Protein backbone atom coordinates (compact mmCIF):
# COMPACT_ATOMS: atom_id res chain seq x y z
CA MET A 1 110.28 122.55 77.93
CA ASP A 2 108.26 123.14 81.08
CA THR A 3 110.09 124.17 84.21
CA TYR A 4 111.27 121.12 86.12
CA LYS A 5 109.59 120.40 89.42
CA LYS A 6 111.76 120.45 92.53
CA PRO A 7 113.06 116.95 93.27
CA TYR A 8 111.63 115.05 96.22
CA ILE A 9 113.85 112.23 97.53
CA ILE A 10 112.41 109.34 99.55
CA ALA A 11 114.64 106.96 101.51
CA GLU A 12 112.87 103.63 101.74
CA ILE A 13 113.90 101.96 104.96
CA GLY A 14 111.31 99.22 104.41
CA CYS A 15 112.37 96.37 106.68
CA ASN A 16 116.06 97.29 106.74
CA HIS A 17 115.71 98.15 110.45
CA LYS A 18 116.00 94.40 111.24
CA GLY A 19 112.98 94.61 113.56
CA ASP A 20 114.77 97.01 115.93
CA ILE A 21 113.09 100.38 116.53
CA GLU A 22 116.36 101.97 117.67
CA ILE A 23 117.99 101.02 114.35
CA ALA A 24 114.89 102.45 112.64
CA LYS A 25 115.40 105.75 114.47
CA GLU A 26 119.09 105.79 113.56
CA LEU A 27 118.15 105.30 109.90
CA ILE A 28 115.69 108.19 110.13
CA LYS A 29 118.21 110.50 111.79
CA VAL A 30 120.99 109.71 109.32
CA ALA A 31 118.59 110.16 106.37
CA LYS A 32 117.68 113.62 107.63
CA ILE A 33 120.98 114.96 108.94
CA PHE A 34 123.53 113.31 106.65
CA CYS A 35 121.65 112.29 103.50
CA ASN A 36 119.47 115.43 103.20
CA VAL A 37 116.41 113.61 101.87
CA ASP A 38 112.81 114.76 102.10
CA ALA A 39 111.04 111.66 103.42
CA ILE A 40 111.56 108.17 104.77
CA LYS A 41 109.29 105.20 104.22
CA PHE A 42 108.63 101.97 106.10
CA GLN A 43 106.39 98.97 105.30
CA LYS A 44 103.29 97.67 107.08
CA ARG A 45 101.89 94.18 106.58
CA ASN A 46 99.27 92.07 108.29
CA ASN A 47 100.96 88.77 107.55
CA ILE A 48 98.02 86.53 108.47
CA GLU A 49 95.85 88.48 106.03
CA LEU A 50 98.48 88.76 103.33
CA LEU A 51 99.83 85.20 103.28
CA THR A 52 98.11 81.86 102.85
CA GLU A 53 98.58 79.36 105.66
CA GLU A 54 100.96 77.41 103.44
CA GLN A 55 103.03 80.52 102.63
CA TYR A 56 103.08 81.55 106.30
CA ASN A 57 104.36 78.18 107.50
CA GLN A 58 106.88 77.38 104.79
CA PRO A 59 110.61 78.05 105.26
CA HIS A 60 112.11 81.31 104.04
CA PRO A 61 113.24 80.76 100.41
CA ASN A 62 116.70 82.07 101.36
CA PRO A 63 117.32 80.80 104.93
CA VAL A 64 120.50 82.84 105.41
CA ASN A 65 118.34 86.00 105.35
CA SER A 66 115.60 84.66 107.61
CA TYR A 67 114.75 86.04 111.05
CA GLY A 68 112.46 83.10 111.92
CA ASP A 69 111.92 79.36 111.46
CA THR A 70 109.18 80.00 108.88
CA TYR A 71 108.54 82.74 106.36
CA GLY A 72 105.63 83.94 108.49
CA ALA A 73 107.77 84.08 111.63
CA HIS A 74 110.42 85.95 109.65
CA ARG A 75 107.91 88.55 108.50
CA GLU A 76 106.43 88.95 112.00
CA TYR A 77 109.90 89.54 113.45
CA LEU A 78 110.43 92.46 111.05
CA GLU A 79 106.98 93.99 111.64
CA PHE A 80 106.37 97.10 113.74
CA ASP A 81 102.92 97.43 115.31
CA LEU A 82 100.77 100.55 115.03
CA SER A 83 102.03 102.07 118.29
CA GLN A 84 105.62 101.72 117.06
CA HIS A 85 104.70 103.37 113.75
CA LYS A 86 103.09 106.19 115.72
CA GLU A 87 106.33 106.56 117.70
CA LEU A 88 108.38 106.63 114.47
CA LYS A 89 106.08 109.22 112.90
CA SER A 90 106.45 111.40 116.01
CA TYR A 91 110.23 110.99 115.85
CA CYS A 92 110.20 112.07 112.19
CA LYS A 93 108.19 115.17 113.09
CA ASP A 94 110.64 116.05 115.88
CA ILE A 95 113.65 116.05 113.54
CA GLY A 96 111.88 117.53 110.51
CA ILE A 97 111.53 114.73 107.98
CA THR A 98 108.34 113.35 106.42
CA TYR A 99 107.17 109.90 107.57
CA SER A 100 105.39 107.45 105.30
CA THR A 101 104.72 103.74 104.92
CA SER A 102 103.90 101.25 102.20
CA VAL A 103 100.77 99.24 102.97
CA TRP A 104 100.35 95.69 101.70
CA ASP A 105 96.78 94.85 102.76
CA LEU A 106 93.51 96.45 103.85
CA THR A 107 94.13 96.11 107.60
CA SER A 108 97.53 97.78 107.27
CA ALA A 109 96.01 100.53 105.11
CA LYS A 110 93.40 101.28 107.77
CA GLU A 111 96.01 101.31 110.54
CA ILE A 112 98.44 103.63 108.75
CA ALA A 113 95.66 105.92 107.50
CA SER A 114 94.69 106.45 111.16
CA LEU A 115 98.09 108.16 111.62
CA ASN A 116 97.26 110.57 108.76
CA PRO A 117 100.70 110.66 107.07
CA GLU A 118 101.26 113.06 104.16
CA PHE A 119 101.28 110.14 101.73
CA ILE A 120 100.80 106.40 101.69
CA LYS A 121 102.60 104.11 99.23
CA ILE A 122 101.05 101.10 97.51
CA PRO A 123 103.78 98.73 96.28
CA SER A 124 103.73 97.15 92.84
CA ALA A 125 102.64 93.83 94.31
CA CYS A 126 99.42 95.37 95.65
CA ASN A 127 98.39 97.87 92.97
CA ASN A 128 95.57 95.54 91.89
CA ASN A 129 94.08 95.25 95.39
CA ILE A 130 90.90 97.10 94.48
CA GLU A 131 89.30 96.64 97.91
CA MET A 132 92.26 98.35 99.57
CA LEU A 133 92.51 101.10 96.93
CA GLU A 134 88.79 101.80 97.16
CA TRP A 135 88.92 102.10 100.94
CA LEU A 136 91.88 104.49 100.72
CA CYS A 137 90.16 106.62 98.08
CA HIS A 138 87.10 107.04 100.30
CA ASN A 139 88.73 107.28 103.73
CA TYR A 140 92.21 108.78 103.38
CA GLN A 141 92.79 112.30 102.08
CA GLY A 142 96.58 112.37 101.56
CA GLU A 143 98.57 111.54 98.46
CA LEU A 144 98.53 107.96 97.20
CA HIS A 145 101.81 106.82 95.64
CA ILE A 146 101.69 103.67 93.49
CA SER A 147 104.51 101.72 91.84
CA THR A 148 103.96 100.10 88.45
CA GLY A 149 106.48 97.24 88.57
CA MET A 150 105.27 93.91 87.10
CA THR A 151 102.20 95.77 85.79
CA THR A 152 100.95 95.83 82.19
CA LYS A 153 100.17 99.03 80.29
CA ASP A 154 96.49 98.05 80.29
CA GLU A 155 96.58 97.55 84.07
CA ILE A 156 98.14 101.01 84.52
CA GLU A 157 95.37 102.47 82.35
CA ASP A 158 92.75 100.70 84.46
CA LEU A 159 94.43 101.98 87.64
CA VAL A 160 94.38 105.62 86.52
CA SER A 161 90.79 105.23 85.32
CA PHE A 162 89.85 103.84 88.74
CA PHE A 163 91.32 106.91 90.46
CA LYS A 164 89.60 109.26 88.02
CA LYS A 165 86.29 107.51 88.65
CA ASN A 166 86.81 108.03 92.39
CA HIS A 167 87.88 111.68 91.87
CA ARG A 168 91.27 111.03 93.47
CA ASN A 169 93.56 111.09 90.43
CA LYS A 170 94.94 114.52 91.37
CA ASP A 171 96.28 112.92 94.57
CA LEU A 172 97.87 110.05 92.62
CA VAL A 173 101.62 109.68 92.07
CA LEU A 174 102.62 107.00 89.55
CA TYR A 175 106.11 105.50 89.79
CA ASN A 176 108.06 103.92 86.97
CA CYS A 177 109.49 100.75 88.51
CA THR A 178 111.01 97.38 87.65
CA SER A 179 110.45 94.79 90.36
CA GLY A 180 113.78 93.05 90.96
CA TYR A 181 116.46 93.11 93.68
CA PRO A 182 118.81 94.33 92.32
CA VAL A 183 117.75 95.27 88.78
CA PRO A 184 120.40 95.21 86.00
CA PHE A 185 120.63 98.48 84.11
CA GLU A 186 119.17 97.06 80.90
CA ASP A 187 115.98 96.18 82.82
CA VAL A 188 115.51 99.60 84.46
CA CYS A 189 113.73 100.83 81.30
CA LEU A 190 113.91 104.53 82.08
CA LEU A 191 112.18 105.55 78.87
CA ASP A 192 108.93 104.23 80.31
CA ILE A 193 109.00 107.46 82.33
CA ASN A 194 108.38 109.26 79.02
CA LEU A 195 105.38 107.04 78.35
CA LEU A 196 103.87 107.76 81.78
CA ILE A 197 104.40 111.49 81.36
CA GLU A 198 103.02 111.59 77.81
CA LYS A 199 99.91 109.66 78.80
CA TYR A 200 99.17 110.75 82.36
CA LYS A 201 100.90 114.04 83.22
CA ASP A 202 97.59 115.93 83.07
CA ASP A 203 95.68 113.23 84.97
CA VAL A 204 97.93 112.59 87.99
CA LYS A 205 99.79 114.77 90.48
CA HIS A 206 103.35 113.59 89.81
CA ILE A 207 105.36 110.94 87.99
CA GLY A 208 107.98 109.25 90.16
CA PHE A 209 110.75 106.68 89.89
CA SER A 210 111.33 103.80 92.30
CA GLY A 211 114.72 102.23 91.62
CA HIS A 212 116.22 98.92 92.71
CA HIS A 213 119.42 99.23 90.66
CA LEU A 214 123.00 99.77 91.77
CA GLY A 215 124.63 103.20 91.99
CA ILE A 216 123.06 106.64 91.54
CA ALA A 217 123.63 107.65 87.90
CA VAL A 218 120.26 106.25 86.82
CA ASP A 219 118.39 108.41 89.35
CA VAL A 220 119.83 111.61 87.88
CA ALA A 221 118.67 110.46 84.45
CA ALA A 222 115.22 109.58 85.81
CA TYR A 223 114.85 113.07 87.24
CA THR A 224 116.05 114.65 83.99
CA LEU A 225 113.40 112.67 82.10
CA GLY A 226 110.74 114.20 84.35
CA ALA A 227 110.32 111.91 87.38
CA ASN A 228 110.53 114.51 90.14
CA ILE A 229 109.97 112.02 92.99
CA ILE A 230 112.84 109.57 93.45
CA GLU A 231 112.60 106.63 95.85
CA ARG A 232 115.51 104.36 96.75
CA HIS A 233 115.99 101.57 99.30
CA TYR A 234 118.39 102.66 102.02
CA THR A 235 120.37 100.92 104.75
CA ILE A 236 123.24 101.58 107.12
CA ASP A 237 125.21 98.55 105.93
CA ARG A 238 124.61 96.63 102.67
CA THR A 239 126.18 93.50 104.22
CA TRP A 240 123.52 93.23 106.94
CA LYS A 241 121.33 90.15 107.04
CA GLY A 242 118.19 90.54 104.96
CA THR A 243 116.92 90.44 101.38
CA ASP A 244 116.83 94.16 100.57
CA HIS A 245 120.18 95.39 101.90
CA ALA A 246 122.21 94.40 98.82
CA ALA A 247 119.89 96.47 96.57
CA SER A 248 119.99 99.47 98.93
CA LEU A 249 122.14 102.58 99.14
CA GLU A 250 124.31 103.21 102.17
CA PRO A 251 124.26 106.74 103.67
CA MET A 252 127.08 108.15 101.53
CA GLY A 253 125.42 106.89 98.36
CA LEU A 254 122.07 108.41 99.34
CA ARG A 255 123.76 111.69 100.29
CA LYS A 256 125.44 111.86 96.86
CA LEU A 257 122.17 111.02 95.12
CA SER A 258 120.40 113.88 96.88
CA ARG A 259 123.30 116.24 96.14
CA ASP A 260 123.47 115.31 92.45
CA VAL A 261 119.74 115.37 91.73
CA ASN A 262 119.37 118.76 93.40
CA ALA A 263 122.39 120.07 91.47
CA VAL A 264 120.81 118.94 88.20
CA TYR A 265 117.55 120.63 89.24
CA LYS A 266 119.39 123.95 89.57
CA ALA A 267 121.15 123.44 86.23
CA LEU A 268 118.08 122.53 84.16
CA GLN A 269 117.12 125.98 82.87
CA PHE A 270 117.69 128.23 79.88
CA LYS A 271 120.02 131.21 79.97
CA LYS A 272 118.13 134.27 81.18
CA GLN A 273 120.21 136.47 78.87
CA ASP A 274 122.70 135.87 76.07
CA VAL A 275 125.70 136.73 78.22
CA LEU A 276 125.32 135.92 81.90
CA PRO A 277 126.87 138.19 84.55
CA ILE A 278 129.29 135.39 85.45
CA GLU A 279 130.46 135.40 81.81
CA GLN A 280 130.85 139.15 81.37
CA GLU A 281 134.26 139.40 83.04
CA GLN A 282 135.53 136.53 80.88
CA ARG A 283 134.04 138.10 77.76
CA ASN A 284 135.76 141.41 78.48
CA LYS A 285 139.02 139.61 79.06
CA LEU A 286 138.98 136.98 76.33
CA LYS A 287 136.42 137.66 73.63
CA ASN A 288 138.33 140.30 71.71
CA GLN A 289 141.75 138.69 71.73
CA LYS A 290 143.47 138.55 68.37
CA ILE A 291 143.45 135.08 66.91
C-alpha cells in the first residue's frame, strides 16, 4: 500500500458564529489552540442572487432556528461582508491557522477569490454551477475543494472532466459526502471513498471526506480508507440556536478527532525490521522462556 498522506483537518465554522464576528474569532482561536486543526472554513452567500424572491421572503422552515422574520432576513443576519472576511483571514494569519470559505454563488466566489485564500470550497449544493466553476478555474489559482453530496456518479464524472478540460484537475480536491444534518451511520457510505480513489486518484490532487454524522469514529475510518482531508462542522455549543449546531462537534470532540486521526497516521506503516528496537528488550527477556 502507498504511504498515507499526512491528515489535514478542517473545522467548518460555517454560520455557527451566529452573525457575531467576536464569536467567529473565538471559534478560530479555540480551533487553533485547543483543537489543533489545520484550517477553518466559513460560508459566503449573496442571498439576493442565490434565492428566488419567493424563497427570500418566505418564513424559515424551522422558526425556532431563525434569526429573522423571513428566510432571507435570517440568511442576511448570519452573513459577513467582504471586509469582515478580510478581517477574519488576517486574524487567522496572526494566530497561524489557514482561512477558507465555501462560496455559494458567482458574486461570493469573486469576492472571496479577491482575498486569495489557499483554497476555496464549493458545497455539494453548488457543484453544478458551471458559470461559477468556470470563473474560478480561469481567475483563481488556489485549490478548489468540492463536495459530492446529492451528486450522481455521472455528475461526478462530468465534474472531473470539466476540471481536466480546464487544466485545473491537479488543483481539485473531491470530498465524499452525504448531505444530511445529521447523517445516520448507515447513510455515511464510507466505501464510496474507495470508488473515488480507484477512479480519480491520478486525476485530482486529494480525496477528502466531509462528514455530518455524530461522533468521531467514522472520521478515523475515512482517513484509513484514504481520505487525507477531513472536514467537520464545529461549534462552541451544540445547543445554540441554529440549524447546523446539532450536527457539529464541540471543541473537545474536534480535539479528539485531530488527536486520533494523527495517531492513526503515525501507526499506518509496516515494520522497518522484523524485531523493532522497542521489542528487543522484551524479546531478550521473554522469548526464550521455557514453556
